[in-house]
């Protein structure tokens, strides 16, 4: 079962169930956590509740998915991210940190890949996160920027996995490679994170460790990057990452955790103004965002 959130009549945030026919049946909630909490109060799973609601209300009101103004499927108070959870990511981080030396000596990225404690960092907040189909930014002070396609988990404050979605952890490779202490600037700037378009309920996903992730990047209408990976290459379990995230930490219901990437565009590639990114996980959907370059180096205030 796929759950989306959209602006009903372009006015009111509304939750919806996405059918296999790409039709959307509205649900009586404005956010994903309202559905989860209602299911808990009724002592059933969100999946059972959605199925019951559809059965009771029928399909008298149906929307066409492609015609909707999509929002992130949950109003996530925080988005966290994981680093170096795939071998490909370790290779890419080492390449950045060693000024392009492929066979570089062991670095801290090798150490964290093999360590008990994973790399976790704050990526975004609700006010900073961009909806599907809205533009993401590339920094004005970076010359080497890429998307990072990832499967993300949606959790409650206890760390329970409620569902799975797609995330884009935009990154500035040159800034992080210059100095690891610059990681926040290499990861967090205006419009540097998006997730969606749907949440697949945890109880309806058969195997979250066998999800194909596909990346496509278009420039001037032409596909210039295409690659894929699978979550079966993930070194750590989702539960392992979550256990460290909630350890001695305050986590909120509806938090999203990006679980790392195994797709890195060629080293000579960088995003440019006007590019379009598509990240597809067939079981979840396609997360699409156009790219816009920040022109001014001045600070931006989010209204």
C-alpha atoms as a PDB file:
ATOM      1  CA  UNK A   1       0.000   0.000   0.000  1.00  0.00           C
ATOM      2  CA  UNK A   2       1.395   3.379  -1.085  1.00  0.00           C
ATOM      3  CA  UNK A   3       0.435   6.511   0.829  1.00  0.00           C
ATOM      4  CA  UNK A   4       0.892   9.984  -0.630  1.00  0.00           C
ATOM      5  CA  UNK A   5       0.092  13.512   0.563  1.00  0.00           C
ATOM      6  CA  UNK A   6      -1.164  16.241  -1.745  1.00  0.00           C
ATOM      7  CA  UNK A   7      -2.923  19.578  -1.846  1.00  0.00           C
ATOM      8  CA  UNK A   8      -6.583  18.762  -2.378  1.00  0.00           C
ATOM      9  CA  UNK A   9      -7.986  21.308  -4.815  1.00  0.00           C
ATOM     10  CA  UNK A  10      -4.578  22.987  -4.372  1.00  0.00           C
ATOM     11  CA  UNK A  11      -5.653  24.174  -0.925  1.00  0.00           C
ATOM     12  CA  UNK A  12      -5.741  21.552   1.822  1.00  0.00           C
ATOM     13  CA  UNK A  13      -3.058  18.949   2.646  1.00  0.00           C
ATOM     14  CA  UNK A  14      -4.717  15.565   2.265  1.00  0.00           C
ATOM     15  CA  UNK A  15      -3.521  12.000   2.609  1.00  0.00           C
ATOM     16  CA  UNK A  16      -4.328   9.548  -0.144  1.00  0.00           C
ATOM     17  CA  UNK A  17      -3.981   5.858  -0.995  1.00  0.00           C
ATOM     18  CA  UNK A  18      -2.340   5.304  -4.382  1.00  0.00           C
ATOM     19  CA  UNK A  19      -3.806   2.379  -6.315  1.00  0.00           C
ATOM     20  CA  UNK A  20      -2.061   0.227  -8.903  1.00  0.00           C
ATOM     21  CA  UNK A  21      -4.033   2.115 -11.554  1.00  0.00           C
ATOM     22  CA  UNK A  22      -2.338   5.394 -10.557  1.00  0.00           C
ATOM     23  CA  UNK A  23      -5.552   6.646  -9.010  1.00  0.00           C
ATOM     24  CA  UNK A  24      -5.626   8.307  -5.599  1.00  0.00           C
ATOM     25  CA  UNK A  25      -8.352   7.666  -3.055  1.00  0.00           C
ATOM     26  CA  UNK A  26      -8.405  10.481  -0.457  1.00  0.00           C
ATOM     27  CA  UNK A  27      -8.192   9.550   3.207  1.00  0.00           C
ATOM     28  CA  UNK A  28      -9.614  11.584   6.115  1.00  0.00           C
ATOM     29  CA  UNK A  29      -6.206  12.769   7.334  1.00  0.00           C
ATOM     30  CA  UNK A  30      -3.932  15.699   6.571  1.00  0.00           C
ATOM     31  CA  UNK A  31      -0.698  13.898   7.481  1.00  0.00           C
ATOM     32  CA  UNK A  32       0.746  10.404   7.621  1.00  0.00           C
ATOM     33  CA  UNK A  33       1.177  10.404  11.406  1.00  0.00           C
ATOM     34  CA  UNK A  34      -2.550  11.076  11.861  1.00  0.00           C
ATOM     35  CA  UNK A  35      -3.209   7.799  10.049  1.00  0.00           C
ATOM     36  CA  UNK A  36      -0.634   5.950  12.155  1.00  0.00           C
ATOM     37  CA  UNK A  37      -2.013   7.329  15.425  1.00  0.00           C
ATOM     38  CA  UNK A  38      -5.609   6.554  14.443  1.00  0.00           C
ATOM     39  CA  UNK A  39      -4.641   2.976  13.616  1.00  0.00           C
ATOM     40  CA  UNK A  40      -2.939   2.659  16.987  1.00  0.00           C
ATOM     41  CA  UNK A  41      -6.029   3.968  18.777  1.00  0.00           C
ATOM     42  CA  UNK A  42      -8.178   1.466  16.886  1.00  0.00           C
ATOM     43  CA  UNK A  43      -5.692  -1.316  17.659  1.00  0.00           C
ATOM     44  CA  UNK A  44      -5.020  -2.235  14.050  1.00  0.00           C
ATOM     45  CA  UNK A  45      -2.261  -1.680  11.540  1.00  0.00           C
ATOM     46  CA  UNK A  46      -2.263   1.344   9.216  1.00  0.00           C
ATOM     47  CA  UNK A  47      -2.671  -1.057   6.292  1.00  0.00           C
ATOM     48  CA  UNK A  48      -5.808  -2.628   7.770  1.00  0.00           C
ATOM     49  CA  UNK A  49      -7.222   0.801   8.586  1.00  0.00           C
ATOM     50  CA  UNK A  50      -6.659   2.097   5.048  1.00  0.00           C
ATOM     51  CA  UNK A  51      -8.254  -1.016   3.573  1.00  0.00           C
ATOM     52  CA  UNK A  52     -11.218  -0.580   5.889  1.00  0.00           C
ATOM     53  CA  UNK A  53     -11.624   3.102   5.018  1.00  0.00           C
ATOM     54  CA  UNK A  54     -11.555   2.347   1.298  1.00  0.00           C
ATOM     55  CA  UNK A  55     -14.135  -0.393   1.748  1.00  0.00           C
ATOM     56  CA  UNK A  56     -16.430   1.894   3.761  1.00  0.00           C
ATOM     57  CA  UNK A  57     -16.191   5.008   1.606  1.00  0.00           C
ATOM     58  CA  UNK A  58     -15.731   3.331  -1.764  1.00  0.00           C
ATOM     59  CA  UNK A  59     -14.165   5.127  -4.699  1.00  0.00           C
ATOM     60  CA  UNK A  60     -16.745   7.837  -5.314  1.00  0.00           C
ATOM     61  CA  UNK A  61     -14.024  10.495  -5.062  1.00  0.00           C
ATOM     62  CA  UNK A  62     -10.900   9.617  -6.996  1.00  0.00           C
ATOM     63  CA  UNK A  63      -7.990  11.770  -8.169  1.00  0.00           C
ATOM     64  CA  UNK A  64      -5.509  11.180 -10.980  1.00  0.00           C
ATOM     65  CA  UNK A  65      -2.014  10.881  -9.535  1.00  0.00           C
ATOM     66  CA  UNK A  66      -0.216  12.728 -12.344  1.00  0.00           C
ATOM     67  CA  UNK A  67      -2.522  15.729 -11.934  1.00  0.00           C
ATOM     68  CA  UNK A  68      -1.875  16.276  -8.217  1.00  0.00           C
ATOM     69  CA  UNK A  69       0.245  18.887  -6.439  1.00  0.00           C
ATOM     70  CA  UNK A  70       2.326  16.502  -4.369  1.00  0.00           C
ATOM     71  CA  UNK A  71       3.732  17.182  -0.910  1.00  0.00           C
ATOM     72  CA  UNK A  72       6.277  15.142   0.988  1.00  0.00           C
ATOM     73  CA  UNK A  73       4.292  12.079   2.130  1.00  0.00           C
ATOM     74  CA  UNK A  74       4.903  12.943   5.791  1.00  0.00           C
ATOM     75  CA  UNK A  75       5.528  16.311   7.416  1.00  0.00           C
ATOM     76  CA  UNK A  76       8.840  15.096   8.814  1.00  0.00           C
ATOM     77  CA  UNK A  77      10.031  17.298  11.697  1.00  0.00           C
ATOM     78  CA  UNK A  78      13.589  16.137  10.975  1.00  0.00           C
ATOM     79  CA  UNK A  79      15.428  14.288   8.247  1.00  0.00           C
ATOM     80  CA  UNK A  80      18.593  12.447   9.272  1.00  0.00           C
ATOM     81  CA  UNK A  81      21.073  10.701   7.018  1.00  0.00           C
ATOM     82  CA  UNK A  82      23.576   7.864   7.119  1.00  0.00           C
ATOM     83  CA  UNK A  83      26.992   7.874   5.494  1.00  0.00           C
ATOM     84  CA  UNK A  84      29.312   5.200   4.109  1.00  0.00           C
ATOM     85  CA  UNK A  85      26.811   2.362   4.444  1.00  0.00           C
ATOM     86  CA  UNK A  86      27.655   0.944   0.999  1.00  0.00           C
ATOM     87  CA  UNK A  87      31.064  -0.023  -0.403  1.00  0.00           C
ATOM     88  CA  UNK A  88      30.550   2.333  -3.388  1.00  0.00           C
ATOM     89  CA  UNK A  89      30.047   5.239  -1.004  1.00  0.00           C
ATOM     90  CA  UNK A  90      33.254   4.415   0.837  1.00  0.00           C
ATOM     91  CA  UNK A  91      35.151   4.433  -2.461  1.00  0.00           C
ATOM     92  CA  UNK A  92      33.682   7.788  -3.469  1.00  0.00           C
ATOM     93  CA  UNK A  93      34.407   9.438  -0.127  1.00  0.00           C
ATOM     94  CA  UNK A  94      37.993   8.184  -0.223  1.00  0.00           C
ATOM     95  CA  UNK A  95      38.416   9.574  -3.752  1.00  0.00           C
ATOM     96  CA  UNK A  96      37.244  12.988  -2.578  1.00  0.00           C
ATOM     97  CA  UNK A  97      39.386  13.014   0.554  1.00  0.00           C
ATOM     98  CA  UNK A  98      42.572  11.935  -1.299  1.00  0.00           C
ATOM     99  CA  UNK A  99      42.431  14.505  -4.109  1.00  0.00           C
ATOM    100  CA  UNK A 100      41.523  11.892  -6.685  1.00  0.00           C
ATOM    101  CA  UNK A 101      44.012   9.192  -5.707  1.00  0.00           C
ATOM    102  CA  UNK A 102      42.157   5.952  -6.329  1.00  0.00           C
ATOM    103  CA  UNK A 103      44.450   3.652  -4.297  1.00  0.00           C
ATOM    104  CA  UNK A 104      44.830   5.999  -1.350  1.00  0.00           C
ATOM    105  CA  UNK A 105      45.922   4.908   2.148  1.00  0.00           C
ATOM    106  CA  UNK A 106      43.225   4.028   4.654  1.00  0.00           C
ATOM    107  CA  UNK A 107      41.103   6.998   5.703  1.00  0.00           C
ATOM    108  CA  UNK A 108      38.502   7.688   8.356  1.00  0.00           C
ATOM    109  CA  UNK A 109      35.880   6.645   5.791  1.00  0.00           C
ATOM    110  CA  UNK A 110      37.370   3.134   5.784  1.00  0.00           C
ATOM    111  CA  UNK A 111      37.279   3.182   9.568  1.00  0.00           C
ATOM    112  CA  UNK A 112      33.631   4.200   9.832  1.00  0.00           C
ATOM    113  CA  UNK A 113      32.653   1.638   7.188  1.00  0.00           C
ATOM    114  CA  UNK A 114      34.043  -1.118   9.415  1.00  0.00           C
ATOM    115  CA  UNK A 115      33.281   0.447  12.806  1.00  0.00           C
ATOM    116  CA  UNK A 116      30.493  -0.571  15.143  1.00  0.00           C
ATOM    117  CA  UNK A 117      29.150   2.995  15.236  1.00  0.00           C
ATOM    118  CA  UNK A 118      27.730   4.282  11.920  1.00  0.00           C
ATOM    119  CA  UNK A 119      28.007   7.799  10.547  1.00  0.00           C
ATOM    120  CA  UNK A 120      24.786   9.719  11.205  1.00  0.00           C
ATOM    121  CA  UNK A 121      24.112  13.402  10.624  1.00  0.00           C
ATOM    122  CA  UNK A 122      21.251  15.866  10.502  1.00  0.00           C
ATOM    123  CA  UNK A 123      20.234  16.501   6.899  1.00  0.00           C
ATOM    124  CA  UNK A 124      17.107  18.657   6.968  1.00  0.00           C
ATOM    125  CA  UNK A 125      14.049  19.889   8.826  1.00  0.00           C
ATOM    126  CA  UNK A 126      10.427  20.171   7.741  1.00  0.00           C
ATOM    127  CA  UNK A 127      10.830  23.804   6.699  1.00  0.00           C
ATOM    128  CA  UNK A 128      13.930  23.004   4.631  1.00  0.00           C
ATOM    129  CA  UNK A 129      12.674  19.891   2.846  1.00  0.00           C
ATOM    130  CA  UNK A 130      11.460  20.188  -0.747  1.00  0.00           C
ATOM    131  CA  UNK A 131       8.354  18.478  -2.118  1.00  0.00           C
ATOM    132  CA  UNK A 132       8.495  16.105  -5.087  1.00  0.00           C
ATOM    133  CA  UNK A 133       8.612  17.893  -8.455  1.00  0.00           C
ATOM    134  CA  UNK A 134       9.837  21.142  -6.840  1.00  0.00           C
ATOM    135  CA  UNK A 135      13.317  22.446  -7.596  1.00  0.00           C
ATOM    136  CA  UNK A 136      16.385  21.543  -5.581  1.00  0.00           C
ATOM    137  CA  UNK A 137      19.346  23.918  -5.437  1.00  0.00           C
ATOM    138  CA  UNK A 138      23.031  23.471  -6.123  1.00  0.00           C
ATOM    139  CA  UNK A 139      25.380  25.685  -4.159  1.00  0.00           C
ATOM    140  CA  UNK A 140      26.951  28.821  -5.586  1.00  0.00           C
ATOM    141  CA  UNK A 141      30.335  28.021  -3.984  1.00  0.00           C
ATOM    142  CA  UNK A 142      30.794  24.409  -5.109  1.00  0.00           C
ATOM    143  CA  UNK A 143      31.986  23.022  -8.430  1.00  0.00           C
ATOM    144  CA  UNK A 144      31.312  19.315  -7.773  1.00  0.00           C
ATOM    145  CA  UNK A 145      27.749  18.481  -6.771  1.00  0.00           C
ATOM    146  CA  UNK A 146      25.689  15.332  -7.102  1.00  0.00           C
ATOM    147  CA  UNK A 147      22.451  13.731  -5.983  1.00  0.00           C
ATOM    148  CA  UNK A 148      22.606  10.745  -3.658  1.00  0.00           C
ATOM    149  CA  UNK A 149      19.662   8.376  -4.265  1.00  0.00           C
ATOM    150  CA  UNK A 150      18.642   6.508  -1.137  1.00  0.00           C
ATOM    151  CA  UNK A 151      15.937   4.390   0.414  1.00  0.00           C
ATOM    152  CA  UNK A 152      14.665   6.108   3.546  1.00  0.00           C
ATOM    153  CA  UNK A 153      12.755   4.808   6.541  1.00  0.00           C
ATOM    154  CA  UNK A 154       9.964   6.685   8.297  1.00  0.00           C
ATOM    155  CA  UNK A 155       9.981   6.045  12.031  1.00  0.00           C
ATOM    156  CA  UNK A 156       8.143   7.008  15.195  1.00  0.00           C
ATOM    157  CA  UNK A 157       9.770   8.406  18.328  1.00  0.00           C
ATOM    158  CA  UNK A 158      10.564   4.896  19.584  1.00  0.00           C
ATOM    159  CA  UNK A 159      12.367   4.020  16.375  1.00  0.00           C
ATOM    160  CA  UNK A 160       9.707   1.712  14.939  1.00  0.00           C
ATOM    161  CA  UNK A 161       9.738   1.566  11.136  1.00  0.00           C
ATOM    162  CA  UNK A 162       6.379   2.784   9.843  1.00  0.00           C
ATOM    163  CA  UNK A 163       7.203   2.793   6.144  1.00  0.00           C
ATOM    164  CA  UNK A 164       9.737   3.299   3.384  1.00  0.00           C
ATOM    165  CA  UNK A 165      10.226   6.166   0.948  1.00  0.00           C
ATOM    166  CA  UNK A 166      12.820   7.569  -1.477  1.00  0.00           C
ATOM    167  CA  UNK A 167      15.293  10.276  -0.469  1.00  0.00           C
ATOM    168  CA  UNK A 168      17.777  12.545  -2.233  1.00  0.00           C
ATOM    169  CA  UNK A 169      20.747  13.528  -0.077  1.00  0.00           C
ATOM    170  CA  UNK A 170      22.246  16.269  -2.263  1.00  0.00           C
ATOM    171  CA  UNK A 171      25.996  16.571  -1.701  1.00  0.00           C
ATOM    172  CA  UNK A 172      28.911  18.879  -2.517  1.00  0.00           C
ATOM    173  CA  UNK A 173      31.791  16.500  -3.086  1.00  0.00           C
ATOM    174  CA  UNK A 174      34.499  19.147  -3.270  1.00  0.00           C
ATOM    175  CA  UNK A 175      33.491  20.791   0.019  1.00  0.00           C
ATOM    176  CA  UNK A 176      33.416  17.507   1.926  1.00  0.00           C
ATOM    177  CA  UNK A 177      36.648  16.378   0.278  1.00  0.00           C
ATOM    178  CA  UNK A 178      38.432  19.575   1.268  1.00  0.00           C
ATOM    179  CA  UNK A 179      37.890  18.942   4.961  1.00  0.00           C
ATOM    180  CA  UNK A 180      35.595  16.449   6.755  1.00  0.00           C
ATOM    181  CA  UNK A 181      34.716  19.176   9.264  1.00  0.00           C
ATOM    182  CA  UNK A 182      32.901  20.908   6.406  1.00  0.00           C
ATOM    183  CA  UNK A 183      30.369  18.068   6.257  1.00  0.00           C
ATOM    184  CA  UNK A 184      27.388  20.215   7.384  1.00  0.00           C
ATOM    185  CA  UNK A 185      28.084  22.718   4.593  1.00  0.00           C
ATOM    186  CA  UNK A 186      28.573  19.886   2.104  1.00  0.00           C
ATOM    187  CA  UNK A 187      25.178  18.455   3.027  1.00  0.00           C
ATOM    188  CA  UNK A 188      22.911  21.258   4.223  1.00  0.00           C
ATOM    189  CA  UNK A 189      21.945  24.346   2.269  1.00  0.00           C
ATOM    190  CA  UNK A 190      18.771  25.872   0.893  1.00  0.00           C
ATOM    191  CA  UNK A 191      16.671  23.269  -0.982  1.00  0.00           C
ATOM    192  CA  UNK A 192      19.189  20.434  -0.599  1.00  0.00           C
ATOM    193  CA  UNK A 193      16.847  17.612   0.407  1.00  0.00           C
ATOM    194  CA  UNK A 194      13.734  15.984  -0.999  1.00  0.00           C
ATOM    195  CA  UNK A 195      11.891  12.753  -0.319  1.00  0.00           C
ATOM    196  CA  UNK A 196       8.788  10.982  -1.558  1.00  0.00           C
ATOM    197  CA  UNK A 197       6.658  10.733  -3.547  1.00  0.00           C
ATOM    198  CA  UNK A 198       5.033   7.971  -1.495  1.00  0.00           C
ATOM    199  CA  UNK A 199       5.440   5.954   1.648  1.00  0.00           C
ATOM    200  CA  UNK A 200       5.070   2.198   1.323  1.00  0.00           C
ATOM    201  CA  UNK A 201       3.630   0.924   4.584  1.00  0.00           C
ATOM    202  CA  UNK A 202       6.087  -1.330   6.389  1.00  0.00           C
ATOM    203  CA  UNK A 203       3.621  -4.200   6.701  1.00  0.00           C
ATOM    204  CA  UNK A 204       3.004  -4.251   2.956  1.00  0.00           C
ATOM    205  CA  UNK A 205       6.652  -4.374   1.819  1.00  0.00           C
ATOM    206  CA  UNK A 206       7.824  -7.950   1.522  1.00  0.00           C
ATOM    207  CA  UNK A 207      11.596  -7.437   1.527  1.00  0.00           C
ATOM    208  CA  UNK A 208      13.147  -3.993   2.102  1.00  0.00           C
ATOM    209  CA  UNK A 209      16.597  -5.522   1.540  1.00  0.00           C
ATOM    210  CA  UNK A 210      15.897  -6.270  -2.103  1.00  0.00           C
ATOM    211  CA  UNK A 211      14.872  -2.903  -3.519  1.00  0.00           C
ATOM    212  CA  UNK A 212      16.349  -1.724  -6.791  1.00  0.00           C
ATOM    213  CA  UNK A 213      17.277   1.974  -6.795  1.00  0.00           C
ATOM    214  CA  UNK A 214      17.584   3.690 -10.171  1.00  0.00           C
ATOM    215  CA  UNK A 215      19.071   7.099 -10.913  1.00  0.00           C
ATOM    216  CA  UNK A 216      18.487   9.086 -14.087  1.00  0.00           C
ATOM    217  CA  UNK A 217      19.758  12.615 -14.726  1.00  0.00           C
ATOM    218  CA  UNK A 218      18.585  14.636 -17.714  1.00  0.00           C
ATOM    219  CA  UNK A 219      20.178  17.736 -19.266  1.00  0.00           C
ATOM    220  CA  UNK A 220      18.547  19.677 -22.094  1.00  0.00           C
ATOM    221  CA  UNK A 221      16.070  16.838 -22.497  1.00  0.00           C
ATOM    222  CA  UNK A 222      18.761  14.179 -22.880  1.00  0.00           C
ATOM    223  CA  UNK A 223      19.600  11.456 -20.363  1.00  0.00           C
ATOM    224  CA  UNK A 224      23.244  11.952 -19.380  1.00  0.00           C
ATOM    225  CA  UNK A 225      23.524   9.712 -16.295  1.00  0.00           C
ATOM    226  CA  UNK A 226      21.874   6.380 -15.597  1.00  0.00           C
ATOM    227  CA  UNK A 227      22.824   3.906 -12.876  1.00  0.00           C
ATOM    228  CA  UNK A 228      21.265   1.471 -10.449  1.00  0.00           C
ATOM    229  CA  UNK A 229      21.965  -0.364  -7.212  1.00  0.00           C
ATOM    230  CA  UNK A 230      20.144  -2.600  -4.770  1.00  0.00           C
ATOM    231  CA  UNK A 231      19.566  -2.433  -1.036  1.00  0.00           C
ATOM    232  CA  UNK A 232      20.948  -5.958  -0.786  1.00  0.00           C
ATOM    233  CA  UNK A 233      24.344  -4.216  -0.969  1.00  0.00           C
ATOM    234  CA  UNK A 234      23.652  -2.317   2.261  1.00  0.00           C
ATOM    235  CA  UNK A 235      26.288  -3.131   4.887  1.00  0.00           C
ATOM    236  CA  UNK A 236      24.163  -2.247   7.908  1.00  0.00           C
ATOM    237  CA  UNK A 237      20.568  -3.088   8.726  1.00  0.00           C
ATOM    238  CA  UNK A 238      17.912  -0.405   8.996  1.00  0.00           C
ATOM    239  CA  UNK A 239      17.358  -1.394  12.612  1.00  0.00           C
ATOM    240  CA  UNK A 240      21.063  -1.007  13.339  1.00  0.00           C
ATOM    241  CA  UNK A 241      21.113   2.542  11.963  1.00  0.00           C
ATOM    242  CA  UNK A 242      17.953   3.447  13.864  1.00  0.00           C
ATOM    243  CA  UNK A 243      19.296   2.035  17.130  1.00  0.00           C
ATOM    244  CA  UNK A 244      22.208   4.499  17.010  1.00  0.00           C
ATOM    245  CA  UNK A 245      19.975   7.372  15.918  1.00  0.00           C
ATOM    246  CA  UNK A 246      17.655   7.028  18.914  1.00  0.00           C
ATOM    247  CA  UNK A 247      20.460   6.294  21.396  1.00  0.00           C
ATOM    248  CA  UNK A 248      20.526   9.100  23.986  1.00  0.00           C
ATOM    249  CA  UNK A 249      18.676  11.235  21.449  1.00  0.00           C
ATOM    250  CA  UNK A 250      15.254  12.853  21.157  1.00  0.00           C
ATOM    251  CA  UNK A 251      13.503  11.654  18.012  1.00  0.00           C
ATOM    252  CA  UNK A 252      10.059  12.771  16.888  1.00  0.00           C
ATOM    253  CA  UNK A 253       7.179  10.867  15.333  1.00  0.00           C
ATOM    254  CA  UNK A 254       7.458  10.992  11.545  1.00  0.00           C
ATOM    255  CA  UNK A 255      11.235  11.370  11.455  1.00  0.00           C
ATOM    256  CA  UNK A 256      12.841  10.287   8.169  1.00  0.00           C
ATOM    257  CA  UNK A 257      16.219   8.539   8.092  1.00  0.00           C
ATOM    258  CA  UNK A 258      18.085   8.296   4.777  1.00  0.00           C
ATOM    259  CA  UNK A 259      20.059   5.050   4.807  1.00  0.00           C
ATOM    260  CA  UNK A 260      22.973   5.829   2.475  1.00  0.00           C
ATOM    261  CA  UNK A 261      23.733   5.556  -1.228  1.00  0.00           C
ATOM    262  CA  UNK A 262      25.426   3.075  -3.521  1.00  0.00           C
ATOM    263  CA  UNK A 263      24.971   5.203  -6.646  1.00  0.00           C
ATOM    264  CA  UNK A 264      27.628   7.827  -7.330  1.00  0.00           C
ATOM    265  CA  UNK A 265      27.776   9.570 -10.738  1.00  0.00           C
ATOM    266  CA  UNK A 266      31.129   9.508 -12.584  1.00  0.00           C
ATOM    267  CA  UNK A 267      33.846  11.542 -10.869  1.00  0.00           C
ATOM    268  CA  UNK A 268      33.948  14.049 -13.731  1.00  0.00           C
ATOM    269  CA  UNK A 269      30.211  14.752 -13.407  1.00  0.00           C
ATOM    270  CA  UNK A 270      28.622  17.687 -11.613  1.00  0.00           C
ATOM    271  CA  UNK A 271      25.034  18.912 -11.589  1.00  0.00           C
ATOM    272  CA  UNK A 272      24.177  22.067 -13.527  1.00  0.00           C
ATOM    273  CA  UNK A 273      21.348  24.554 -13.535  1.00  0.00           C
ATOM    274  CA  UNK A 274      18.367  23.128 -15.420  1.00  0.00           C
ATOM    275  CA  UNK A 275      19.174  19.440 -14.868  1.00  0.00           C
ATOM    276  CA  UNK A 276      16.387  17.063 -13.838  1.00  0.00           C
ATOM    277  CA  UNK A 277      16.869  14.210 -11.373  1.00  0.00           C
ATOM    278  CA  UNK A 278      14.734  11.084 -11.280  1.00  0.00           C
ATOM    279  CA  UNK A 279      15.183   8.510  -8.528  1.00  0.00           C
ATOM    280  CA  UNK A 280      13.080   5.405  -8.923  1.00  0.00           C
ATOM    281  CA  UNK A 281      12.354   2.508  -6.606  1.00  0.00           C
ATOM    282  CA  UNK A 282       9.678   0.482  -8.418  1.00  0.00           C
ATOM    283  CA  UNK A 283       7.950  -0.573  -5.206  1.00  0.00           C
ATOM    284  CA  UNK A 284       7.703   3.073  -4.076  1.00  0.00           C
ATOM    285  CA  UNK A 285       7.596   5.316  -7.142  1.00  0.00           C
ATOM    286  CA  UNK A 286       9.686   7.992  -8.851  1.00  0.00           C
ATOM    287  CA  UNK A 287      11.052  11.032  -7.014  1.00  0.00           C
ATOM    288  CA  UNK A 288      11.594  13.844  -9.514  1.00  0.00           C
ATOM    289  CA  UNK A 289      13.223  17.223  -8.895  1.00  0.00           C
ATOM    290  CA  UNK A 290      14.555  19.857 -11.308  1.00  0.00           C
ATOM    291  CA  UNK A 291      17.790  21.646 -10.404  1.00  0.00           C
ATOM    292  CA  UNK A 292      18.356  25.353  -9.952  1.00  0.00           C
ATOM    293  CA  UNK A 293      21.675  26.999  -9.095  1.00  0.00           C
ATOM    294  CA  UNK A 294      21.845  29.513  -6.264  1.00  0.00           C
ATOM    295  CA  UNK A 295      23.174  32.723  -7.796  1.00  0.00           C
ATOM    296  CA  UNK A 296      23.852  34.798  -4.699  1.00  0.00           C
ATOM    297  CA  UNK A 297      26.348  33.782  -2.039  1.00  0.00           C
ATOM    298  CA  UNK A 298      24.410  35.744   0.532  1.00  0.00           C
ATOM    299  CA  UNK A 299      22.528  33.912   3.268  1.00  0.00           C
ATOM    300  CA  UNK A 300      18.915  33.012   2.599  1.00  0.00           C
ATOM    301  CA  UNK A 301      16.105  33.288   5.084  1.00  0.00           C
ATOM    302  CA  UNK A 302      13.308  30.742   4.867  1.00  0.00           C
ATOM    303  CA  UNK A 303       9.941  32.405   5.255  1.00  0.00           C
END
